């Protein structure tokens, strides 16, 4: 009876403790970090946000309330960027003769541009304020303000589901990570599209084709080179302004004053 009782000596417990500590260190080290070999920020260790790889060099997410807002802002910008990048590429595939950067100035509008801008400002302000209130108080904006018989089911902020996502093609947690990864890539791609358009005056696929046809002589270094005492600066391919419905809108290149 006594022999059947399992006992652990103090010596065995002493040996087990370092093993447990080593195991915990292995688990912590196995977490993906944006900078291999660096320490994961303490304020992000327990964060469950999708795509959290510890990137916060300025510590902006140390405040939990601010981190929630930053996460929501990133989601919205990522989703708009994915739509924008896909639209630019689709437009070039279907109408390669149209330059996406200035194509908006050539659109014939059936209404006044100033009226459209005022309407958009009002509507977007209303939508963004509703989104902001939902971040501050989750669930407070689930009731339809016009058709009160409709209400969203309880959900995580930023992922309303229901009519906004009637079908989820796979594991939701995995899809969240894929969405934010593709969104971050799309935001970077849009910056690349914009700078390439300003320097080359070409659509993204046309600029890529130009580079592939002569990869040695068609690079960022062939467009701009900075050496001590001298700088070769590319010319801006975008007009200084465009005119729409008699209204002159400044265009030009982004931050051209900061070019070398």
C-alpha atoms as a PDB file:
ATOM      1  CA  UNK A   1       0.000   0.000   0.000  1.00  0.00           C
ATOM      2  CA  UNK A   2       2.752   2.416   1.015  1.00  0.00           C
ATOM      3  CA  UNK A   3       4.882   1.340  -1.940  1.00  0.00           C
ATOM      4  CA  UNK A   4       2.102   2.265  -4.335  1.00  0.00           C
ATOM      5  CA  UNK A   5       2.184   5.927  -3.254  1.00  0.00           C
ATOM      6  CA  UNK A   6       4.231   8.045  -5.657  1.00  0.00           C
ATOM      7  CA  UNK A   7       6.560  10.485  -3.914  1.00  0.00           C
ATOM      8  CA  UNK A   8       8.859  13.209  -5.184  1.00  0.00           C
ATOM      9  CA  UNK A   9      12.036  14.052  -3.325  1.00  0.00           C
ATOM     10  CA  UNK A  10      13.294  17.644  -2.921  1.00  0.00           C
ATOM     11  CA  UNK A  11      16.210  16.727  -5.209  1.00  0.00           C
ATOM     12  CA  UNK A  12      13.804  15.649  -7.990  1.00  0.00           C
ATOM     13  CA  UNK A  13      11.786  18.861  -7.609  1.00  0.00           C
ATOM     14  CA  UNK A  14      14.986  20.896  -7.881  1.00  0.00           C
ATOM     15  CA  UNK A  15      15.834  19.174 -11.163  1.00  0.00           C
ATOM     16  CA  UNK A  16      12.323  19.648 -12.537  1.00  0.00           C
ATOM     17  CA  UNK A  17      12.257  23.418 -11.999  1.00  0.00           C
ATOM     18  CA  UNK A  18      15.032  24.317 -14.491  1.00  0.00           C
ATOM     19  CA  UNK A  19      13.432  22.002 -17.048  1.00  0.00           C
ATOM     20  CA  UNK A  20      10.117  23.837 -16.688  1.00  0.00           C
ATOM     21  CA  UNK A  21      11.882  27.188 -16.971  1.00  0.00           C
ATOM     22  CA  UNK A  22      13.723  26.061 -20.085  1.00  0.00           C
ATOM     23  CA  UNK A  23      10.450  24.878 -21.601  1.00  0.00           C
ATOM     24  CA  UNK A  24       8.835  28.259 -20.938  1.00  0.00           C
ATOM     25  CA  UNK A  25      11.805  30.019 -22.556  1.00  0.00           C
ATOM     26  CA  UNK A  26      11.516  27.796 -25.616  1.00  0.00           C
ATOM     27  CA  UNK A  27       7.824  28.649 -25.993  1.00  0.00           C
ATOM     28  CA  UNK A  28       8.547  32.374 -25.661  1.00  0.00           C
ATOM     29  CA  UNK A  29      11.396  32.208 -28.166  1.00  0.00           C
ATOM     30  CA  UNK A  30       9.270  30.332 -30.684  1.00  0.00           C
ATOM     31  CA  UNK A  31       6.945  33.319 -31.173  1.00  0.00           C
ATOM     32  CA  UNK A  32       7.471  35.025 -34.512  1.00  0.00           C
ATOM     33  CA  UNK A  33       8.986  38.490 -34.230  1.00  0.00           C
ATOM     34  CA  UNK A  34       9.313  41.103 -36.975  1.00  0.00           C
ATOM     35  CA  UNK A  35      13.028  41.439 -36.165  1.00  0.00           C
ATOM     36  CA  UNK A  36      14.594  37.998 -35.594  1.00  0.00           C
ATOM     37  CA  UNK A  37      16.665  37.861 -32.447  1.00  0.00           C
ATOM     38  CA  UNK A  38      15.085  40.921 -30.849  1.00  0.00           C
ATOM     39  CA  UNK A  39      13.016  40.939 -27.670  1.00  0.00           C
ATOM     40  CA  UNK A  40       9.256  40.950 -28.005  1.00  0.00           C
ATOM     41  CA  UNK A  41       7.796  44.189 -26.516  1.00  0.00           C
ATOM     42  CA  UNK A  42       6.400  43.549 -23.052  1.00  0.00           C
ATOM     43  CA  UNK A  43       3.151  45.411 -23.761  1.00  0.00           C
ATOM     44  CA  UNK A  44       2.447  43.201 -26.786  1.00  0.00           C
ATOM     45  CA  UNK A  45       3.275  39.809 -25.285  1.00  0.00           C
ATOM     46  CA  UNK A  46      -0.309  39.133 -24.178  1.00  0.00           C
ATOM     47  CA  UNK A  47      -1.866  40.914 -27.168  1.00  0.00           C
ATOM     48  CA  UNK A  48      -4.086  38.610 -29.252  1.00  0.00           C
ATOM     49  CA  UNK A  49      -4.416  40.882 -32.284  1.00  0.00           C
ATOM     50  CA  UNK A  50      -3.992  39.083 -35.622  1.00  0.00           C
ATOM     51  CA  UNK A  51      -0.649  39.720 -37.256  1.00  0.00           C
ATOM     52  CA  UNK A  52       1.018  40.744 -34.002  1.00  0.00           C
ATOM     53  CA  UNK A  53       4.750  40.314 -34.579  1.00  0.00           C
ATOM     54  CA  UNK A  54       5.902  42.804 -31.965  1.00  0.00           C
ATOM     55  CA  UNK A  55       6.449  45.748 -34.323  1.00  0.00           C
ATOM     56  CA  UNK A  56       6.138  48.853 -32.155  1.00  0.00           C
ATOM     57  CA  UNK A  57       9.562  50.538 -32.014  1.00  0.00           C
ATOM     58  CA  UNK A  58       8.074  53.774 -30.647  1.00  0.00           C
ATOM     59  CA  UNK A  59       5.915  52.092 -28.013  1.00  0.00           C
ATOM     60  CA  UNK A  60       2.724  53.663 -29.352  1.00  0.00           C
ATOM     61  CA  UNK A  61       0.655  50.620 -28.379  1.00  0.00           C
ATOM     62  CA  UNK A  62       1.623  50.643 -24.707  1.00  0.00           C
ATOM     63  CA  UNK A  63      -1.749  52.230 -23.906  1.00  0.00           C
ATOM     64  CA  UNK A  64      -4.518  49.629 -24.307  1.00  0.00           C
ATOM     65  CA  UNK A  65      -7.150  52.143 -25.471  1.00  0.00           C
ATOM     66  CA  UNK A  66      -4.833  53.625 -28.081  1.00  0.00           C
ATOM     67  CA  UNK A  67      -3.822  50.138 -29.223  1.00  0.00           C
ATOM     68  CA  UNK A  68      -7.481  49.267 -29.912  1.00  0.00           C
ATOM     69  CA  UNK A  69      -7.861  52.392 -32.031  1.00  0.00           C
ATOM     70  CA  UNK A  70      -4.594  51.763 -33.883  1.00  0.00           C
ATOM     71  CA  UNK A  71      -5.711  48.207 -34.662  1.00  0.00           C
ATOM     72  CA  UNK A  72      -9.054  49.395 -36.018  1.00  0.00           C
ATOM     73  CA  UNK A  73      -7.377  52.125 -38.069  1.00  0.00           C
ATOM     74  CA  UNK A  74      -4.954  49.612 -39.565  1.00  0.00           C
ATOM     75  CA  UNK A  75      -7.823  47.277 -40.504  1.00  0.00           C
ATOM     76  CA  UNK A  76      -9.735  50.037 -42.271  1.00  0.00           C
ATOM     77  CA  UNK A  77      -6.696  51.369 -44.133  1.00  0.00           C
ATOM     78  CA  UNK A  78      -5.701  47.821 -45.089  1.00  0.00           C
ATOM     79  CA  UNK A  79      -9.150  47.069 -46.513  1.00  0.00           C
ATOM     80  CA  UNK A  80      -9.254  50.309 -48.512  1.00  0.00           C
ATOM     81  CA  UNK A  81      -5.724  49.658 -49.794  1.00  0.00           C
ATOM     82  CA  UNK A  82      -6.649  46.165 -50.981  1.00  0.00           C
ATOM     83  CA  UNK A  83      -9.652  47.567 -52.849  1.00  0.00           C
ATOM     84  CA  UNK A  84      -7.567  50.380 -54.333  1.00  0.00           C
ATOM     85  CA  UNK A  85      -4.667  48.211 -55.462  1.00  0.00           C
ATOM     86  CA  UNK A  86      -6.999  45.604 -56.966  1.00  0.00           C
ATOM     87  CA  UNK A  87      -8.919  48.372 -58.755  1.00  0.00           C
ATOM     88  CA  UNK A  88      -5.762  49.950 -60.196  1.00  0.00           C
ATOM     89  CA  UNK A  89      -4.554  46.602 -61.548  1.00  0.00           C
ATOM     90  CA  UNK A  90      -7.979  45.646 -62.918  1.00  0.00           C
ATOM     91  CA  UNK A  91      -8.280  49.012 -64.652  1.00  0.00           C
ATOM     92  CA  UNK A  92      -4.871  48.628 -66.283  1.00  0.00           C
ATOM     93  CA  UNK A  93      -5.676  45.106 -67.475  1.00  0.00           C
ATOM     94  CA  UNK A  94      -8.986  46.160 -69.033  1.00  0.00           C
ATOM     95  CA  UNK A  95      -7.971  49.684 -70.161  1.00  0.00           C
ATOM     96  CA  UNK A  96      -4.162  49.919 -70.295  1.00  0.00           C
ATOM     97  CA  UNK A  97      -4.366  53.222 -72.183  1.00  0.00           C
ATOM     98  CA  UNK A  98      -5.854  54.968 -69.131  1.00  0.00           C
ATOM     99  CA  UNK A  99      -3.342  56.404 -66.646  1.00  0.00           C
ATOM    100  CA  UNK A 100      -4.780  55.659 -63.225  1.00  0.00           C
ATOM    101  CA  UNK A 101      -3.080  58.578 -61.461  1.00  0.00           C
ATOM    102  CA  UNK A 102      -4.946  61.322 -63.357  1.00  0.00           C
ATOM    103  CA  UNK A 103      -7.892  59.351 -64.760  1.00  0.00           C
ATOM    104  CA  UNK A 104     -10.284  60.870 -62.233  1.00  0.00           C
ATOM    105  CA  UNK A 105      -9.923  64.268 -63.887  1.00  0.00           C
ATOM    106  CA  UNK A 106     -11.279  62.880 -67.170  1.00  0.00           C
ATOM    107  CA  UNK A 107     -14.478  61.374 -65.754  1.00  0.00           C
ATOM    108  CA  UNK A 108     -17.691  63.045 -66.882  1.00  0.00           C
ATOM    109  CA  UNK A 109     -19.789  63.647 -63.800  1.00  0.00           C
ATOM    110  CA  UNK A 110     -23.575  64.170 -64.048  1.00  0.00           C
ATOM    111  CA  UNK A 111     -23.472  66.405 -60.965  1.00  0.00           C
ATOM    112  CA  UNK A 112     -21.420  69.200 -59.476  1.00  0.00           C
ATOM    113  CA  UNK A 113     -18.029  68.183 -58.047  1.00  0.00           C
ATOM    114  CA  UNK A 114     -18.316  70.542 -55.078  1.00  0.00           C
ATOM    115  CA  UNK A 115     -21.706  69.039 -54.189  1.00  0.00           C
ATOM    116  CA  UNK A 116     -20.249  65.530 -54.407  1.00  0.00           C
ATOM    117  CA  UNK A 117     -17.345  66.503 -52.109  1.00  0.00           C
ATOM    118  CA  UNK A 118     -19.741  68.039 -49.572  1.00  0.00           C
ATOM    119  CA  UNK A 119     -21.993  64.955 -49.613  1.00  0.00           C
ATOM    120  CA  UNK A 120     -19.007  62.637 -49.230  1.00  0.00           C
ATOM    121  CA  UNK A 121     -17.639  64.693 -46.342  1.00  0.00           C
ATOM    122  CA  UNK A 122     -20.988  64.506 -44.520  1.00  0.00           C
ATOM    123  CA  UNK A 123     -21.543  60.786 -45.119  1.00  0.00           C
ATOM    124  CA  UNK A 124     -17.989  59.706 -44.301  1.00  0.00           C
ATOM    125  CA  UNK A 125     -17.978  61.832 -41.155  1.00  0.00           C
ATOM    126  CA  UNK A 126     -21.190  60.128 -40.013  1.00  0.00           C
ATOM    127  CA  UNK A 127     -19.876  56.632 -40.786  1.00  0.00           C
ATOM    128  CA  UNK A 128     -16.488  57.265 -39.158  1.00  0.00           C
ATOM    129  CA  UNK A 129     -18.099  58.701 -36.033  1.00  0.00           C
ATOM    130  CA  UNK A 130     -20.261  55.571 -35.726  1.00  0.00           C
ATOM    131  CA  UNK A 131     -17.169  53.409 -36.102  1.00  0.00           C
ATOM    132  CA  UNK A 132     -15.331  55.451 -33.480  1.00  0.00           C
ATOM    133  CA  UNK A 133     -18.155  55.061 -30.974  1.00  0.00           C
ATOM    134  CA  UNK A 134     -18.166  51.303 -31.616  1.00  0.00           C
ATOM    135  CA  UNK A 135     -14.454  51.125 -30.770  1.00  0.00           C
ATOM    136  CA  UNK A 136     -14.971  53.101 -27.556  1.00  0.00           C
ATOM    137  CA  UNK A 137     -18.052  51.127 -26.544  1.00  0.00           C
ATOM    138  CA  UNK A 138     -18.315  47.800 -28.408  1.00  0.00           C
ATOM    139  CA  UNK A 139     -21.853  46.868 -29.380  1.00  0.00           C
ATOM    140  CA  UNK A 140     -23.253  50.380 -28.990  1.00  0.00           C
ATOM    141  CA  UNK A 141     -23.743  50.791 -32.759  1.00  0.00           C
ATOM    142  CA  UNK A 142     -25.233  47.389 -33.565  1.00  0.00           C
ATOM    143  CA  UNK A 143     -28.795  48.721 -33.878  1.00  0.00           C
ATOM    144  CA  UNK A 144     -29.720  49.999 -37.345  1.00  0.00           C
ATOM    145  CA  UNK A 145     -30.380  53.770 -36.931  1.00  0.00           C
ATOM    146  CA  UNK A 146     -33.003  53.820 -39.697  1.00  0.00           C
ATOM    147  CA  UNK A 147     -34.556  50.350 -39.731  1.00  0.00           C
ATOM    148  CA  UNK A 148     -34.718  49.636 -36.011  1.00  0.00           C
ATOM    149  CA  UNK A 149     -35.976  46.074 -36.528  1.00  0.00           C
ATOM    150  CA  UNK A 150     -32.485  45.092 -37.701  1.00  0.00           C
ATOM    151  CA  UNK A 151     -29.614  44.535 -35.290  1.00  0.00           C
ATOM    152  CA  UNK A 152     -26.224  42.870 -35.592  1.00  0.00           C
ATOM    153  CA  UNK A 153     -25.457  39.844 -33.484  1.00  0.00           C
ATOM    154  CA  UNK A 154     -22.775  40.259 -30.785  1.00  0.00           C
ATOM    155  CA  UNK A 155     -19.386  40.376 -32.481  1.00  0.00           C
ATOM    156  CA  UNK A 156     -15.771  41.435 -32.143  1.00  0.00           C
ATOM    157  CA  UNK A 157     -14.998  45.031 -33.102  1.00  0.00           C
ATOM    158  CA  UNK A 158     -13.949  45.214 -36.735  1.00  0.00           C
ATOM    159  CA  UNK A 159     -15.560  41.899 -37.671  1.00  0.00           C
ATOM    160  CA  UNK A 160     -19.337  42.476 -37.756  1.00  0.00           C
ATOM    161  CA  UNK A 161     -20.168  39.306 -39.692  1.00  0.00           C
ATOM    162  CA  UNK A 162     -23.907  38.873 -40.397  1.00  0.00           C
ATOM    163  CA  UNK A 163     -24.896  40.633 -43.664  1.00  0.00           C
ATOM    164  CA  UNK A 164     -21.350  42.000 -43.993  1.00  0.00           C
ATOM    165  CA  UNK A 165     -19.873  38.498 -44.107  1.00  0.00           C
ATOM    166  CA  UNK A 166     -22.655  35.948 -44.633  1.00  0.00           C
ATOM    167  CA  UNK A 167     -20.122  33.302 -45.638  1.00  0.00           C
ATOM    168  CA  UNK A 168     -16.738  32.701 -44.004  1.00  0.00           C
ATOM    169  CA  UNK A 169     -14.552  30.499 -46.256  1.00  0.00           C
ATOM    170  CA  UNK A 170     -12.427  28.836 -43.608  1.00  0.00           C
ATOM    171  CA  UNK A 171     -11.143  29.320 -40.102  1.00  0.00           C
ATOM    172  CA  UNK A 172     -11.922  32.879 -39.020  1.00  0.00           C
ATOM    173  CA  UNK A 173      -8.780  33.325 -36.917  1.00  0.00           C
ATOM    174  CA  UNK A 174      -6.558  32.252 -39.811  1.00  0.00           C
ATOM    175  CA  UNK A 175      -8.458  34.532 -42.185  1.00  0.00           C
ATOM    176  CA  UNK A 176      -7.902  37.488 -39.849  1.00  0.00           C
ATOM    177  CA  UNK A 177      -4.144  36.976 -40.076  1.00  0.00           C
ATOM    178  CA  UNK A 178      -4.261  36.570 -43.857  1.00  0.00           C
ATOM    179  CA  UNK A 179      -6.366  39.714 -44.193  1.00  0.00           C
ATOM    180  CA  UNK A 180      -4.017  41.914 -42.185  1.00  0.00           C
ATOM    181  CA  UNK A 181      -0.944  40.501 -43.969  1.00  0.00           C
ATOM    182  CA  UNK A 182      -2.433  41.145 -47.405  1.00  0.00           C
ATOM    183  CA  UNK A 183      -3.645  44.550 -46.239  1.00  0.00           C
ATOM    184  CA  UNK A 184      -0.164  45.578 -45.103  1.00  0.00           C
ATOM    185  CA  UNK A 185       1.243  44.410 -48.422  1.00  0.00           C
ATOM    186  CA  UNK A 186      -1.439  46.388 -50.275  1.00  0.00           C
ATOM    187  CA  UNK A 187      -0.600  49.584 -48.356  1.00  0.00           C
ATOM    188  CA  UNK A 188       3.055  49.233 -49.339  1.00  0.00           C
ATOM    189  CA  UNK A 189       2.056  48.372 -52.915  1.00  0.00           C
ATOM    190  CA  UNK A 190      -0.034  51.533 -53.187  1.00  0.00           C
ATOM    191  CA  UNK A 191       2.948  53.635 -52.115  1.00  0.00           C
ATOM    192  CA  UNK A 192       4.999  51.871 -54.776  1.00  0.00           C
ATOM    193  CA  UNK A 193       2.312  52.448 -57.429  1.00  0.00           C
ATOM    194  CA  UNK A 194       2.197  56.147 -56.529  1.00  0.00           C
ATOM    195  CA  UNK A 195       5.945  56.734 -56.602  1.00  0.00           C
ATOM    196  CA  UNK A 196       6.363  54.725 -59.818  1.00  0.00           C
ATOM    197  CA  UNK A 197       3.621  56.759 -61.484  1.00  0.00           C
ATOM    198  CA  UNK A 198       5.284  60.020 -60.456  1.00  0.00           C
ATOM    199  CA  UNK A 199       8.723  58.967 -61.674  1.00  0.00           C
ATOM    200  CA  UNK A 200       7.825  57.005 -64.832  1.00  0.00           C
ATOM    201  CA  UNK A 201       4.382  58.302 -65.768  1.00  0.00           C
ATOM    202  CA  UNK A 202       3.307  54.697 -66.278  1.00  0.00           C
ATOM    203  CA  UNK A 203       0.759  52.330 -64.823  1.00  0.00           C
ATOM    204  CA  UNK A 204       2.171  49.678 -62.432  1.00  0.00           C
ATOM    205  CA  UNK A 205       2.172  46.762 -64.882  1.00  0.00           C
ATOM    206  CA  UNK A 206       3.657  48.943 -67.625  1.00  0.00           C
ATOM    207  CA  UNK A 207       6.408  50.098 -65.255  1.00  0.00           C
ATOM    208  CA  UNK A 208       7.093  46.469 -64.306  1.00  0.00           C
ATOM    209  CA  UNK A 209       7.248  45.500 -67.983  1.00  0.00           C
ATOM    210  CA  UNK A 210       9.725  48.314 -68.634  1.00  0.00           C
ATOM    211  CA  UNK A 211      11.938  47.067 -65.823  1.00  0.00           C
ATOM    212  CA  UNK A 212      11.784  43.413 -66.957  1.00  0.00           C
ATOM    213  CA  UNK A 213      12.690  44.363 -70.527  1.00  0.00           C
ATOM    214  CA  UNK A 214      15.888  46.069 -69.304  1.00  0.00           C
ATOM    215  CA  UNK A 215      16.477  45.097 -65.669  1.00  0.00           C
ATOM    216  CA  UNK A 216      20.028  46.448 -65.526  1.00  0.00           C
ATOM    217  CA  UNK A 217      19.347  49.962 -66.782  1.00  0.00           C
ATOM    218  CA  UNK A 218      15.782  50.394 -65.516  1.00  0.00           C
ATOM    219  CA  UNK A 219      15.957  50.505 -61.732  1.00  0.00           C
ATOM    220  CA  UNK A 220      15.472  52.997 -58.935  1.00  0.00           C
ATOM    221  CA  UNK A 221      19.197  53.781 -59.168  1.00  0.00           C
ATOM    222  CA  UNK A 222      18.923  54.658 -62.860  1.00  0.00           C
ATOM    223  CA  UNK A 223      16.136  57.119 -62.001  1.00  0.00           C
ATOM    224  CA  UNK A 224      17.822  58.845 -59.057  1.00  0.00           C
ATOM    225  CA  UNK A 225      21.402  58.744 -57.825  1.00  0.00           C
ATOM    226  CA  UNK A 226      22.861  60.742 -54.954  1.00  0.00           C
ATOM    227  CA  UNK A 227      26.636  61.091 -54.563  1.00  0.00           C
ATOM    228  CA  UNK A 228      28.608  63.601 -52.502  1.00  0.00           C
ATOM    229  CA  UNK A 229      28.216  67.000 -54.098  1.00  0.00           C
ATOM    230  CA  UNK A 230      25.886  65.847 -56.867  1.00  0.00           C
ATOM    231  CA  UNK A 231      22.373  64.454 -57.278  1.00  0.00           C
ATOM    232  CA  UNK A 232      20.619  63.066 -60.348  1.00  0.00           C
ATOM    233  CA  UNK A 233      16.923  63.694 -59.749  1.00  0.00           C
ATOM    234  CA  UNK A 234      14.114  62.254 -61.914  1.00  0.00           C
ATOM    235  CA  UNK A 235      11.636  64.669 -63.424  1.00  0.00           C
ATOM    236  CA  UNK A 236       8.078  64.602 -62.174  1.00  0.00           C
ATOM    237  CA  UNK A 237       5.795  62.988 -64.779  1.00  0.00           C
ATOM    238  CA  UNK A 238       2.624  64.305 -63.150  1.00  0.00           C
ATOM    239  CA  UNK A 239       1.182  67.695 -64.188  1.00  0.00           C
ATOM    240  CA  UNK A 240       1.289  70.405 -61.541  1.00  0.00           C
ATOM    241  CA  UNK A 241      -2.501  70.669 -61.598  1.00  0.00           C
ATOM    242  CA  UNK A 242      -5.630  69.249 -63.221  1.00  0.00           C
ATOM    243  CA  UNK A 243      -8.866  71.010 -64.096  1.00  0.00           C
ATOM    244  CA  UNK A 244     -12.218  69.417 -63.350  1.00  0.00           C
ATOM    245  CA  UNK A 245     -15.477  71.266 -64.080  1.00  0.00           C
ATOM    246  CA  UNK A 246     -13.565  74.531 -64.209  1.00  0.00           C
ATOM    247  CA  UNK A 247     -11.963  73.869 -60.814  1.00  0.00           C
ATOM    248  CA  UNK A 248      -8.157  73.714 -60.763  1.00  0.00           C
ATOM    249  CA  UNK A 249      -6.866  71.062 -58.365  1.00  0.00           C
ATOM    250  CA  UNK A 250      -3.140  70.916 -57.418  1.00  0.00           C
ATOM    251  CA  UNK A 251      -1.544  67.625 -58.423  1.00  0.00           C
ATOM    252  CA  UNK A 252       2.176  67.254 -58.996  1.00  0.00           C
ATOM    253  CA  UNK A 253       4.480  64.839 -57.211  1.00  0.00           C
ATOM    254  CA  UNK A 254       4.177  63.814 -53.600  1.00  0.00           C
ATOM    255  CA  UNK A 255       6.638  65.726 -51.369  1.00  0.00           C
ATOM    256  CA  UNK A 256       8.722  66.726 -54.376  1.00  0.00           C
ATOM    257  CA  UNK A 257      10.426  69.349 -52.243  1.00  0.00           C
ATOM    258  CA  UNK A 258      12.020  66.526 -50.252  1.00  0.00           C
ATOM    259  CA  UNK A 259      13.429  64.803 -53.319  1.00  0.00           C
ATOM    260  CA  UNK A 260      17.244  64.799 -53.466  1.00  0.00           C
END
